[in-house]
Each structure stands twice: as C-alpha cells, then as structure tokens.
Amino acid sequence: MRGKILRGIFGPTKENQIWRIKNNEELDKLIKHENIVNSIKAQRLSWFGHIQRMPETGAAKKIFIWNPLTMRPRGRPKHRWEDNIVQDLGQMIKNRITCVQDRAKWKVG
C-alpha cells in the first residue's frame, strides 16, 4: 500500500525515451528511509506551533480559532485537524512516559 501511494506521489521515471514505474528501492532513496507517518506528524505539530505564535490578525489564525454558528450534522463526528494534533500530542506524551521508565533509554535521548 505504501509503495502504491509513493508511486502516485513521485510518478514514473523516463529512461531512454521510455517511461517506467519506480521500484521500492528507488522510492526508499527518495524518501531517505524516513517513516512517512512520523514525518507528517512532525510537520503537523510544527505548523500548529507556527499558528499558535501568529498574531490574532493572521488569516490562518482566524480560521483556526473560528467557530461556526451552525450545528454539526448527525452521526459520527468528522475528524478535525485539531483532533489530529491532540492525538499526536497524546501519543508523544505517552511515549515519553514509557521512555522515562527505562533510565538508560531516557539518558540517551
């Protein structure tokens, strides 16, 4: 599944006037062996910090703190961007708490 998504993002390669699909090793080199999910979470938290430091007059800050006057539709609530931030922060704190228990791991980093 991951390879299929990355192939869609990076697209095919043209060699000797012939288009071909990138293989998994080439895709791994392109993303530099990073965990994509962790990378996305880090970027999301970075953007959240940026928005929090923005002045109240900034467009992104206004949209972030805006609260619609209408009610949400019935059924399962939609996932909001802020919900993802809270979930990411909760996972980070939980990981730190378990890491603190192992003294050697905590001292290393």
PDB file of N, CA and C in Angstrom:
ATOM      1  N   MET A   1       0.824  -1.193   0.000  1.00  0.00           N
ATOM      2  CA  MET A   1       0.000   0.000   0.000  1.00  0.00           C
ATOM      3  C   MET A   1       0.870   1.259   0.000  1.00  0.00           C
ATOM      4  N   ARG A   2       1.913   1.268   0.867  1.00  0.00           N
ATOM      5  CA  ARG A   2       2.772   2.438   0.948  1.00  0.00           C
ATOM      6  C   ARG A   2       3.452   2.730  -0.384  1.00  0.00           C
ATOM      7  N   GLY A   3       3.962   1.660  -1.034  1.00  0.00           N
ATOM      8  CA  GLY A   3       4.634   1.837  -2.316  1.00  0.00           C
ATOM      9  C   GLY A   3       3.709   2.409  -3.376  1.00  0.00           C
ATOM     10  N   LYS A   4       2.457   1.984  -3.339  1.00  0.00           N
ATOM     11  CA  LYS A   4       1.487   2.461  -4.316  1.00  0.00           C
ATOM     12  C   LYS A   4       1.241   3.958  -4.141  1.00  0.00           C
ATOM     13  N   ILE A   5       1.154   4.399  -2.900  1.00  0.00           N
ATOM     14  CA  ILE A   5       0.942   5.818  -2.627  1.00  0.00           C
ATOM     15  C   ILE A   5       2.159   6.628  -3.064  1.00  0.00           C
ATOM     16  N   LEU A   6       3.354   6.132  -2.722  1.00  0.00           N
ATOM     17  CA  LEU A   6       4.575   6.849  -3.102  1.00  0.00           C
ATOM     18  C   LEU A   6       4.755   6.891  -4.608  1.00  0.00           C
ATOM     19  N   ARG A   7       4.386   5.826  -5.303  1.00  0.00           N
ATOM     20  CA  ARG A   7       4.478   5.841  -6.774  1.00  0.00           C
ATOM     21  C   ARG A   7       3.560   6.905  -7.358  1.00  0.00           C
ATOM     22  N   GLY A   8       2.396   7.073  -6.745  1.00  0.00           N
ATOM     23  CA  GLY A   8       1.479   8.116  -7.198  1.00  0.00           C
ATOM     24  C   GLY A   8       2.036   9.509  -6.948  1.00  0.00           C
ATOM     25  N   ILE A   9       2.732   9.685  -5.831  1.00  0.00           N
ATOM     26  CA  ILE A   9       3.301  10.989  -5.492  1.00  0.00           C
ATOM     27  C   ILE A   9       4.479  11.332  -6.390  1.00  0.00           C
ATOM     28  N   PHE A  10       5.422  10.394  -6.537  1.00  0.00           N
ATOM     29  CA  PHE A  10       6.646  10.679  -7.276  1.00  0.00           C
ATOM     30  C   PHE A  10       6.533  10.428  -8.776  1.00  0.00           C
ATOM     31  N   GLY A  11       5.567   9.631  -9.189  1.00  0.00           N
ATOM     32  CA  GLY A  11       5.345   9.397 -10.608  1.00  0.00           C
ATOM     33  C   GLY A  11       6.390   8.500 -11.251  1.00  0.00           C
ATOM     34  N   PRO A  12       6.233   8.259 -12.548  1.00  0.00           N
ATOM     35  CA  PRO A  12       7.160   7.376 -13.268  1.00  0.00           C
ATOM     36  C   PRO A  12       8.481   8.078 -13.607  1.00  0.00           C
ATOM     37  N   THR A  13       9.440   7.277 -14.075  1.00  0.00           N
ATOM     38  CA  THR A  13      10.758   7.765 -14.476  1.00  0.00           C
ATOM     39  C   THR A  13      10.918   7.562 -15.981  1.00  0.00           C
ATOM     40  N   LYS A  14      11.542   8.524 -16.648  1.00  0.00           N
ATOM     41  CA  LYS A  14      11.772   8.399 -18.074  1.00  0.00           C
ATOM     42  C   LYS A  14      13.234   8.056 -18.314  1.00  0.00           C
ATOM     43  N   GLU A  15      13.490   6.866 -18.869  1.00  0.00           N
ATOM     44  CA  GLU A  15      14.851   6.429 -19.195  1.00  0.00           C
ATOM     45  C   GLU A  15      14.890   6.027 -20.668  1.00  0.00           C
ATOM     46  N   ASN A  16      15.794   6.618 -21.416  1.00  0.00           N
ATOM     47  CA  ASN A  16      15.956   6.309 -22.848  1.00  0.00           C
ATOM     48  C   ASN A  16      14.633   6.426 -23.602  1.00  0.00           C
ATOM     49  N   GLN A  17      13.931   7.513 -23.361  1.00  0.00           N
ATOM     50  CA  GLN A  17      12.658   7.802 -24.026  1.00  0.00           C
ATOM     51  C   GLN A  17      11.556   6.795 -23.676  1.00  0.00           C
ATOM     52  N   ILE A  18      11.744   6.013 -22.603  1.00  0.00           N
ATOM     53  CA  ILE A  18      10.733   5.029 -22.183  1.00  0.00           C
ATOM     54  C   ILE A  18      10.354   5.327 -20.734  1.00  0.00           C
ATOM     55  N   TRP A  19       9.054   5.382 -20.471  1.00  0.00           N
ATOM     56  CA  TRP A  19       8.568   5.606 -19.116  1.00  0.00           C
ATOM     57  C   TRP A  19       8.488   4.276 -18.374  1.00  0.00           C
ATOM     58  N   ARG A  20       8.931   4.282 -17.117  1.00  0.00           N
ATOM     59  CA  ARG A  20       8.812   3.085 -16.288  1.00  0.00           C
ATOM     60  C   ARG A  20       8.444   3.491 -14.865  1.00  0.00           C
ATOM     61  N   ILE A  21       7.880   2.542 -14.129  1.00  0.00           N
ATOM     62  CA  ILE A  21       7.472   2.777 -12.740  1.00  0.00           C
ATOM     63  C   ILE A  21       8.681   2.570 -11.831  1.00  0.00           C
ATOM     64  N   LYS A  22       8.827   3.432 -10.822  1.00  0.00           N
ATOM     65  CA  LYS A  22       9.937   3.307  -9.873  1.00  0.00           C
ATOM     66  C   LYS A  22       9.747   2.068  -9.002  1.00  0.00           C
ATOM     67  N   ASN A  23      10.869   1.408  -8.666  1.00  0.00           N
ATOM     68  CA  ASN A  23      10.776   0.249  -7.779  1.00  0.00           C
ATOM     69  C   ASN A  23      10.914   0.704  -6.321  1.00  0.00           C
ATOM     70  N   ASN A  24      10.728  -0.223  -5.384  1.00  0.00           N
ATOM     71  CA  ASN A  24      10.726   0.117  -3.957  1.00  0.00           C
ATOM     72  C   ASN A  24      12.054   0.703  -3.486  1.00  0.00           C
ATOM     73  N   GLU A  25      13.175   0.213  -4.011  1.00  0.00           N
ATOM     74  CA  GLU A  25      14.476   0.733  -3.595  1.00  0.00           C
ATOM     75  C   GLU A  25      14.631   2.203  -3.993  1.00  0.00           C
ATOM     76  N   GLU A  26      14.194   2.545  -5.205  1.00  0.00           N
ATOM     77  CA  GLU A  26      14.272   3.943  -5.659  1.00  0.00           C
ATOM     78  C   GLU A  26      13.381   4.837  -4.800  1.00  0.00           C
ATOM     79  N   LEU A  27      12.200   4.343  -4.458  1.00  0.00           N
ATOM     80  CA  LEU A  27      11.293   5.124  -3.621  1.00  0.00           C
ATOM     81  C   LEU A  27      11.883   5.323  -2.232  1.00  0.00           C
ATOM     82  N   ASP A  28      12.534   4.290  -1.699  1.00  0.00           N
ATOM     83  CA  ASP A  28      13.172   4.386  -0.388  1.00  0.00           C
ATOM     84  C   ASP A  28      14.277   5.438  -0.399  1.00  0.00           C
ATOM     85  N   LYS A  29      15.049   5.495  -1.480  1.00  0.00           N
ATOM     86  CA  LYS A  29      16.110   6.503  -1.594  1.00  0.00           C
ATOM     87  C   LYS A  29      15.510   7.913  -1.657  1.00  0.00           C
ATOM     88  N   LEU A  30      14.384   8.056  -2.349  1.00  0.00           N
ATOM     89  CA  LEU A  30      13.754   9.368  -2.478  1.00  0.00           C
ATOM     90  C   LEU A  30      13.261   9.904  -1.135  1.00  0.00           C
ATOM     91  N   ILE A  31      12.723   9.020  -0.302  1.00  0.00           N
ATOM     92  CA  ILE A  31      12.225   9.480   0.999  1.00  0.00           C
ATOM     93  C   ILE A  31      13.291   9.373   2.077  1.00  0.00           C
ATOM     94  N   LYS A  32      14.501   8.935   1.697  1.00  0.00           N
ATOM     95  CA  LYS A  32      15.654   8.845   2.595  1.00  0.00           C
ATOM     96  C   LYS A  32      15.362   7.961   3.803  1.00  0.00           C
ATOM     97  N   HIS A  33      14.660   6.862   3.568  1.00  0.00           N
ATOM     98  CA  HIS A  33      14.367   5.851   4.586  1.00  0.00           C
ATOM     99  C   HIS A  33      13.635   6.420   5.797  1.00  0.00           C
ATOM    100  N   GLU A  34      12.897   7.508   5.631  1.00  0.00           N
ATOM    101  CA  GLU A  34      12.154   8.103   6.738  1.00  0.00           C
ATOM    102  C   GLU A  34      10.804   7.420   6.887  1.00  0.00           C
ATOM    103  N   ASN A  35      10.295   7.439   8.091  1.00  0.00           N
ATOM    104  CA  ASN A  35       8.950   6.964   8.348  1.00  0.00           C
ATOM    105  C   ASN A  35       7.998   8.096   7.960  1.00  0.00           C
ATOM    106  N   ILE A  36       7.195   7.883   6.966  1.00  0.00           N
ATOM    107  CA  ILE A  36       6.349   8.934   6.424  1.00  0.00           C
ATOM    108  C   ILE A  36       5.338   9.421   7.452  1.00  0.00           C
ATOM    109  N   VAL A  37       4.765   8.509   8.209  1.00  0.00           N
ATOM    110  CA  VAL A  37       3.755   8.884   9.199  1.00  0.00           C
ATOM    111  C   VAL A  37       4.363   9.817  10.244  1.00  0.00           C
ATOM    112  N   ASN A  38       5.554   9.472  10.750  1.00  0.00           N
ATOM    113  CA  ASN A  38       6.209  10.336  11.734  1.00  0.00           C
ATOM    114  C   ASN A  38       6.582  11.680  11.130  1.00  0.00           C
ATOM    115  N   SER A  39       6.971  11.678   9.875  1.00  0.00           N
ATOM    116  CA  SER A  39       7.317  12.920   9.193  1.00  0.00           C
ATOM    117  C   SER A  39       6.096  13.833   9.078  1.00  0.00           C
ATOM    118  N   ILE A  40       4.958  13.267   8.733  1.00  0.00           N
ATOM    119  CA  ILE A  40       3.717  14.051   8.607  1.00  0.00           C
ATOM    120  C   ILE A  40       3.306  14.599   9.968  1.00  0.00           C
ATOM    121  N   LYS A  41       3.411  13.772  11.018  1.00  0.00           N
ATOM    122  CA  LYS A  41       3.057  14.231  12.363  1.00  0.00           C
ATOM    123  C   LYS A  41       3.961  15.377  12.807  1.00  0.00           C
ATOM    124  N   ALA A  42       5.251  15.272  12.517  1.00  0.00           N
ATOM    125  CA  ALA A  42       6.191  16.324  12.895  1.00  0.00           C
ATOM    126  C   ALA A  42       5.867  17.624  12.169  1.00  0.00           C
ATOM    127  N   GLN A  43       5.544  17.540  10.881  1.00  0.00           N
ATOM    128  CA  GLN A  43       5.188  18.738  10.118  1.00  0.00           C
ATOM    129  C   GLN A  43       3.889  19.351  10.628  1.00  0.00           C
ATOM    130  N   ARG A  44       2.939  18.495  11.002  1.00  0.00           N
ATOM    131  CA  ARG A  44       1.655  18.963  11.528  1.00  0.00           C
ATOM    132  C   ARG A  44       1.873  19.714  12.846  1.00  0.00           C
ATOM    133  N   LEU A  45       2.698  19.145  13.736  1.00  0.00           N
ATOM    134  CA  LEU A  45       2.971  19.802  15.020  1.00  0.00           C
ATOM    135  C   LEU A  45       3.761  21.093  14.823  1.00  0.00           C
ATOM    136  N   SER A  46       4.650  21.107  13.835  1.00  0.00           N
ATOM    137  CA  SER A  46       5.409  22.310  13.533  1.00  0.00           C
ATOM    138  C   SER A  46       4.467  23.432  13.068  1.00  0.00           C
ATOM    139  N   TRP A  47       3.531  23.093  12.190  1.00  0.00           N
ATOM    140  CA  TRP A  47       2.577  24.081  11.691  1.00  0.00           C
ATOM    141  C   TRP A  47       1.665  24.562  12.818  1.00  0.00           C
ATOM    142  N   PHE A  48       1.279  23.659  13.728  1.00  0.00           N
ATOM    143  CA  PHE A  48       0.458  24.024  14.876  1.00  0.00           C
ATOM    144  C   PHE A  48       1.187  25.050  15.739  1.00  0.00           C
ATOM    145  N   GLY A  49       2.471  24.830  15.992  1.00  0.00           N
ATOM    146  CA  GLY A  49       3.256  25.796  16.761  1.00  0.00           C
ATOM    147  C   GLY A  49       3.335  27.140  16.061  1.00  0.00           C
ATOM    148  N   HIS A  50       3.470  27.099  14.745  1.00  0.00           N
ATOM    149  CA  HIS A  50       3.529  28.335  13.960  1.00  0.00           C
ATOM    150  C   HIS A  50       2.220  29.114  14.099  1.00  0.00           C
ATOM    151  N   ILE A  51       1.100  28.418  14.000  1.00  0.00           N
ATOM    152  CA  ILE A  51      -0.205  29.076  14.108  1.00  0.00           C
ATOM    153  C   ILE A  51      -0.396  29.658  15.505  1.00  0.00           C
ATOM    154  N   GLN A  52       0.039  28.931  16.535  1.00  0.00           N
ATOM    155  CA  GLN A  52      -0.124  29.422  17.904  1.00  0.00           C
ATOM    156  C   GLN A  52       0.678  30.687  18.156  1.00  0.00           C
ATOM    157  N   ARG A  53       1.815  30.844  17.490  1.00  0.00           N
ATOM    158  CA  ARG A  53       2.643  32.037  17.668  1.00  0.00           C
ATOM    159  C   ARG A  53       2.198  33.204  16.803  1.00  0.00           C
ATOM    160  N   MET A  54       1.295  32.956  15.848  1.00  0.00           N
ATOM    161  CA  MET A  54       0.828  34.006  14.945  1.00  0.00           C
ATOM    162  C   MET A  54       0.024  35.066  15.692  1.00  0.00           C
ATOM    163  N   PRO A  55       0.033  36.304  15.171  1.00  0.00           N
ATOM    164  CA  PRO A  55      -0.854  37.313  15.765  1.00  0.00           C
ATOM    165  C   PRO A  55      -2.316  36.968  15.452  1.00  0.00           C
ATOM    166  N   GLU A  56      -3.200  37.487  16.274  1.00  0.00           N
ATOM    167  CA  GLU A  56      -4.639  37.175  16.116  1.00  0.00           C
ATOM    168  C   GLU A  56      -5.194  37.667  14.775  1.00  0.00           C
ATOM    169  N   THR A  57      -4.501  38.579  14.116  1.00  0.00           N
ATOM    170  CA  THR A  57      -4.999  39.134  12.858  1.00  0.00           C
ATOM    171  C   THR A  57      -4.612  38.300  11.644  1.00  0.00           C
ATOM    172  N   GLY A  58      -3.759  37.291  11.823  1.00  0.00           N
ATOM    173  CA  GLY A  58      -3.337  36.462  10.698  1.00  0.00           C
ATOM    174  C   GLY A  58      -4.496  35.614  10.168  1.00  0.00           C
ATOM    175  N   ALA A  59      -4.527  35.410   8.858  1.00  0.00           N
ATOM    176  CA  ALA A  59      -5.639  34.678   8.232  1.00  0.00           C
ATOM    177  C   ALA A  59      -5.711  33.238   8.734  1.00  0.00           C
ATOM    178  N   ALA A  60      -4.584  32.560   8.807  1.00  0.00           N
ATOM    179  CA  ALA A  60      -4.593  31.164   9.264  1.00  0.00           C
ATOM    180  C   ALA A  60      -5.046  31.077  10.715  1.00  0.00           C
ATOM    181  N   LYS A  61      -4.645  32.028  11.540  1.00  0.00           N
ATOM    182  CA  LYS A  61      -5.042  32.034  12.962  1.00  0.00           C
ATOM    183  C   LYS A  61      -6.544  32.278  13.088  1.00  0.00           C
ATOM    184  N   LYS A  62      -7.073  33.200  12.282  1.00  0.00           N
ATOM    185  CA  LYS A  62      -8.511  33.476  12.309  1.00  0.00           C
ATOM    186  C   LYS A  62      -9.309  32.231  11.946  1.00  0.00           C
ATOM    187  N   ILE A  63      -8.858  31.524  10.937  1.00  0.00           N
ATOM    188  CA  ILE A  63      -9.554  30.301  10.512  1.00  0.00           C
ATOM    189  C   ILE A  63      -9.437  29.231  11.583  1.00  0.00           C
ATOM    190  N   PHE A  64      -8.280  29.140  12.225  1.00  0.00           N
ATOM    191  CA  PHE A  64      -8.072  28.117  13.256  1.00  0.00           C
ATOM    192  C   PHE A  64      -8.982  28.346  14.465  1.00  0.00           C
ATOM    193  N   ILE A  65      -9.148  29.603  14.896  1.00  0.00           N
ATOM    194  CA  ILE A  65      -9.954  29.860  16.083  1.00  0.00           C
ATOM    195  C   ILE A  65     -11.425  30.089  15.759  1.00  0.00           C
ATOM    196  N   TRP A  66     -11.778  30.131  14.477  1.00  0.00           N
ATOM    197  CA  TRP A  66     -13.164  30.359  14.066  1.00  0.00           C
ATOM    198  C   TRP A  66     -14.040  29.216  14.528  1.00  0.00           C
ATOM    199  N   ASN A  67     -15.213  29.565  15.025  1.00  0.00           N
ATOM    200  CA  ASN A  67     -16.170  28.575  15.482  1.00  0.00           C
ATOM    201  C   ASN A  67     -17.473  28.785  14.719  1.00  0.00           C
ATOM    202  N   PRO A  68     -17.894  27.827  13.886  1.00  0.00           N
ATOM    203  CA  PRO A  68     -19.111  28.019  13.106  1.00  0.00           C
ATOM    204  C   PRO A  68     -20.345  28.118  14.009  1.00  0.00           C
ATOM    205  N   LEU A  69     -21.329  28.864  13.544  1.00  0.00           N
ATOM    206  CA  LEU A  69     -22.536  29.069  14.335  1.00  0.00           C
ATOM    207  C   LEU A  69     -23.551  27.937  14.144  1.00  0.00           C
ATOM    208  N   THR A  70     -23.401  27.163  13.083  1.00  0.00           N
ATOM    209  CA  THR A  70     -24.351  26.082  12.816  1.00  0.00           C
ATOM    210  C   THR A  70     -23.980  24.842  13.605  1.00  0.00           C
ATOM    211  N   MET A  71     -24.951  23.945  13.704  1.00  0.00           N
ATOM    212  CA  MET A  71     -24.699  22.686  14.398  1.00  0.00           C
ATOM    213  C   MET A  71     -24.062  21.699  13.432  1.00  0.00           C
ATOM    214  N   ARG A  72     -23.315  20.755  13.974  1.00  0.00           N
ATOM    215  CA  ARG A  72     -22.718  19.715  13.150  1.00  0.00           C
ATOM    216  C   ARG A  72     -23.791  18.711  12.757  1.00  0.00           C
ATOM    217  N   PRO A  73     -23.602  18.040  11.624  1.00  0.00           N
ATOM    218  CA  PRO A  73     -24.609  17.063  11.203  1.00  0.00           C
ATOM    219  C   PRO A  73     -24.680  15.867  12.150  1.00  0.00           C
ATOM    220  N   ARG A  74     -25.802  15.171  12.080  1.00  0.00           N
ATOM    221  CA  ARG A  74     -25.995  13.997  12.917  1.00  0.00           C
ATOM    222  C   ARG A  74     -25.042  12.884  12.521  1.00  0.00           C
ATOM    223  N   GLY A  75     -24.764  11.995  13.437  1.00  0.00           N
ATOM    224  CA  GLY A  75     -23.908  10.861  13.124  1.00  0.00           C
ATOM    225  C   GLY A  75     -22.528  10.998  13.735  1.00  0.00           C
ATOM    226  N   ARG A  76     -21.633  10.186  13.232  1.00  0.00           N
ATOM    227  CA  ARG A  76     -20.274  10.179  13.747  1.00  0.00           C
ATOM    228  C   ARG A  76     -19.589  11.504  13.422  1.00  0.00           C
ATOM    229  N   PRO A  77     -18.953  12.135  14.416  1.00  0.00           N
ATOM    230  CA  PRO A  77     -18.289  13.413  14.149  1.00  0.00           C
ATOM    231  C   PRO A  77     -17.139  13.250  13.159  1.00  0.00           C
ATOM    232  N   LYS A  78     -16.974  14.238  12.315  1.00  0.00           N
ATOM    233  CA  LYS A  78     -15.870  14.248  11.369  1.00  0.00           C
ATOM    234  C   LYS A  78     -14.577  14.519  12.134  1.00  0.00           C
ATOM    235  N   HIS A  79     -13.476  13.950  11.637  1.00  0.00           N
ATOM    236  CA  HIS A  79     -12.173  14.188  12.249  1.00  0.00           C
ATOM    237  C   HIS A  79     -11.707  15.574  11.846  1.00  0.00           C
ATOM    238  N   ARG A  80     -11.373  16.377  12.821  1.00  0.00           N
ATOM    239  CA  ARG A  80     -10.875  17.717  12.545  1.00  0.00           C
ATOM    240  C   ARG A  80      -9.360  17.727  12.664  1.00  0.00           C
ATOM    241  N   TRP A  81      -8.739  18.747  12.089  1.00  0.00           N
ATOM    242  CA  TRP A  81      -7.290  18.884  12.124  1.00  0.00           C
ATOM    243  C   TRP A  81      -6.817  18.989  13.569  1.00  0.00           C
ATOM    244  N   GLU A  82      -7.563  19.725  14.372  1.00  0.00           N
ATOM    245  CA  GLU A  82      -7.212  19.902  15.772  1.00  0.00           C
ATOM    246  C   GLU A  82      -7.280  18.576  16.535  1.00  0.00           C
ATOM    247  N   ASP A  83      -8.209  17.712  16.169  1.00  0.00           N
ATOM    248  CA  ASP A  83      -8.296  16.386  16.794  1.00  0.00           C
ATOM    249  C   ASP A  83      -7.024  15.586  16.535  1.00  0.00           C
ATOM    250  N   ASN A  84      -6.493  15.690  15.316  1.00  0.00           N
ATOM    251  CA  ASN A  84      -5.242  15.005  14.990  1.00  0.00           C
ATOM    252  C   ASN A  84      -4.080  15.544  15.819  1.00  0.00           C
ATOM    253  N   ILE A  85      -4.051  16.856  16.054  1.00  0.00           N
ATOM    254  CA  ILE A  85      -2.999  17.468  16.862  1.00  0.00           C
ATOM    255  C   ILE A  85      -3.058  16.928  18.288  1.00  0.00           C
ATOM    256  N   VAL A  86      -4.256  16.904  18.852  1.00  0.00           N
ATOM    257  CA  VAL A  86      -4.423  16.409  20.225  1.00  0.00           C
ATOM    258  C   VAL A  86      -3.993  14.949  20.317  1.00  0.00           C
ATOM    259  N   GLN A  87      -4.357  14.160  19.318  1.00  0.00           N
ATOM    260  CA  GLN A  87      -3.978  12.744  19.299  1.00  0.00           C
ATOM    261  C   GLN A  87      -2.453  12.596  19.194  1.00  0.00           C
ATOM    262  N   ASP A  88      -1.808  13.376  18.324  1.00  0.00           N
ATOM    263  CA  ASP A  88      -0.351  13.315  18.172  1.00  0.00           C
ATOM    264  C   ASP A  88       0.349  13.701  19.470  1.00  0.00           C
ATOM    265  N   LEU A  89      -0.118  14.774  20.111  1.00  0.00           N
ATOM    266  CA  LEU A  89       0.492  15.209  21.366  1.00  0.00           C
ATOM    267  C   LEU A  89       0.299  14.158  22.454  1.00  0.00           C
ATOM    268  N   GLY A  90      -0.870  13.547  22.490  1.00  0.00           N
ATOM    269  CA  GLY A  90      -1.136  12.493  23.469  1.00  0.00           C
ATOM    270  C   GLY A  90      -0.214  11.304  23.286  1.00  0.00           C
ATOM    271  N   GLN A  91       0.033  10.922  22.027  1.00  0.00           N
ATOM    272  CA  GLN A  91       0.946   9.808  21.750  1.00  0.00           C
ATOM    273  C   GLN A  91       2.371  10.165  22.148  1.00  0.00           C
ATOM    274  N   MET A  92       2.775  11.411  21.897  1.00  0.00           N
ATOM    275  CA  MET A  92       4.129  11.831  22.267  1.00  0.00           C
ATOM    276  C   MET A  92       4.312  11.758  23.780  1.00  0.00           C
ATOM    277  N   ILE A  93       3.308  12.223  24.517  1.00  0.00           N
ATOM    278  CA  ILE A  93       3.401  12.216  25.976  1.00  0.00           C
ATOM    279  C   ILE A  93       3.423  10.783  26.493  1.00  0.00           C
ATOM    280  N   LYS A  94       2.578   9.922  25.915  1.00  0.00           N
ATOM    281  CA  LYS A  94       2.545   8.529  26.351  1.00  0.00           C
ATOM    282  C   LYS A  94       3.889   7.857  26.066  1.00  0.00           C
ATOM    283  N   ASN A  95       4.473   8.134  24.898  1.00  0.00           N
ATOM    284  CA  ASN A  95       5.782   7.561  24.561  1.00  0.00           C
ATOM    285  C   ASN A  95       6.858   8.066  25.520  1.00  0.00           C
ATOM    286  N   ARG A  96       6.801   9.336  25.900  1.00  0.00           N
ATOM    287  CA  ARG A  96       7.788   9.888  26.830  1.00  0.00           C
ATOM    288  C   ARG A  96       7.633   9.257  28.212  1.00  0.00           C
ATOM    289  N   ILE A  97       6.397   9.033  28.635  1.00  0.00           N
ATOM    290  CA  ILE A  97       6.170   8.438  29.954  1.00  0.00           C
ATOM    291  C   ILE A  97       6.724   7.018  29.997  1.00  0.00           C
ATOM    292  N   THR A  98       6.517   6.236  28.941  1.00  0.00           N
ATOM    293  CA  THR A  98       7.064   4.880  28.928  1.00  0.00           C
ATOM    294  C   THR A  98       8.578   4.910  28.791  1.00  0.00           C
ATOM    295  N   CYS A  99       9.111   5.898  28.102  1.00  0.00           N
ATOM    296  CA  CYS A  99      10.559   6.016  27.921  1.00  0.00           C
ATOM    297  C   CYS A  99      11.241   6.407  29.235  1.00  0.00           C
ATOM    298  N   VAL A 100      10.572   7.199  30.058  1.00  0.00           N
ATOM    299  CA  VAL A 100      11.135   7.627  31.338  1.00  0.00           C
ATOM    300  C   VAL A 100      11.363   6.423  32.244  1.00  0.00           C
ATOM    301  N   GLN A 101      10.523   5.413  32.125  1.00  0.00           N
ATOM    302  CA  GLN A 101      10.639   4.237  32.973  1.00  0.00           C
ATOM    303  C   GLN A 101      11.951   3.496  32.731  1.00  0.00           C
ATOM    304  N   ASP A 102      12.457   3.563  31.507  1.00  0.00           N
ATOM    305  CA  ASP A 102      13.731   2.911  31.177  1.00  0.00           C
ATOM    306  C   ASP A 102      14.843   3.972  31.279  1.00  0.00           C
ATOM    307  N   ARG A 103      15.571   3.968  32.378  1.00  0.00           N
ATOM    308  CA  ARG A 103      16.545   5.012  32.673  1.00  0.00           C
ATOM    309  C   ARG A 103      17.626   5.149  31.609  1.00  0.00           C
ATOM    310  N   ALA A 104      18.126   4.034  31.099  1.00  0.00           N
ATOM    311  CA  ALA A 104      19.190   4.082  30.090  1.00  0.00           C
ATOM    312  C   ALA A 104      18.683   4.744  28.812  1.00  0.00           C
ATOM    313  N   LYS A 105      17.473   4.395  28.409  1.00  0.00           N
ATOM    314  CA  LYS A 105      16.889   4.975  27.198  1.00  0.00           C
ATOM    315  C   LYS A 105      16.654   6.476  27.380  1.00  0.00           C
ATOM    316  N   TRP A 106      16.209   6.876  28.549  1.00  0.00           N
ATOM    317  CA  TRP A 106      15.890   8.279  28.824  1.00  0.00           C
ATOM    318  C   TRP A 106      17.161   9.131  28.784  1.00  0.00           C
ATOM    319  N   LYS A 107      18.276   8.622  29.282  1.00  0.00           N
ATOM    320  CA  LYS A 107      19.522   9.378  29.297  1.00  0.00           C
ATOM    321  C   LYS A 107      20.078   9.569  27.892  1.00  0.00           C
ATOM    322  N   VAL A 108      19.862   8.571  27.018  1.00  0.00           N
ATOM    323  CA  VAL A 108      20.381   8.663  25.653  1.00  0.00           C
ATOM    324  C   VAL A 108      19.632   9.703  24.858  1.00  0.00           C
ATOM    325  N   GLY A 109      18.343   9.777  24.998  1.00  0.00           N
ATOM    326  CA  GLY A 109      17.669  10.768  24.178  1.00  0.00           C
ATOM    327  C   GLY A 109      16.231  10.736  24.321  1.00  0.00           C
TER     328      GLY A 109
END
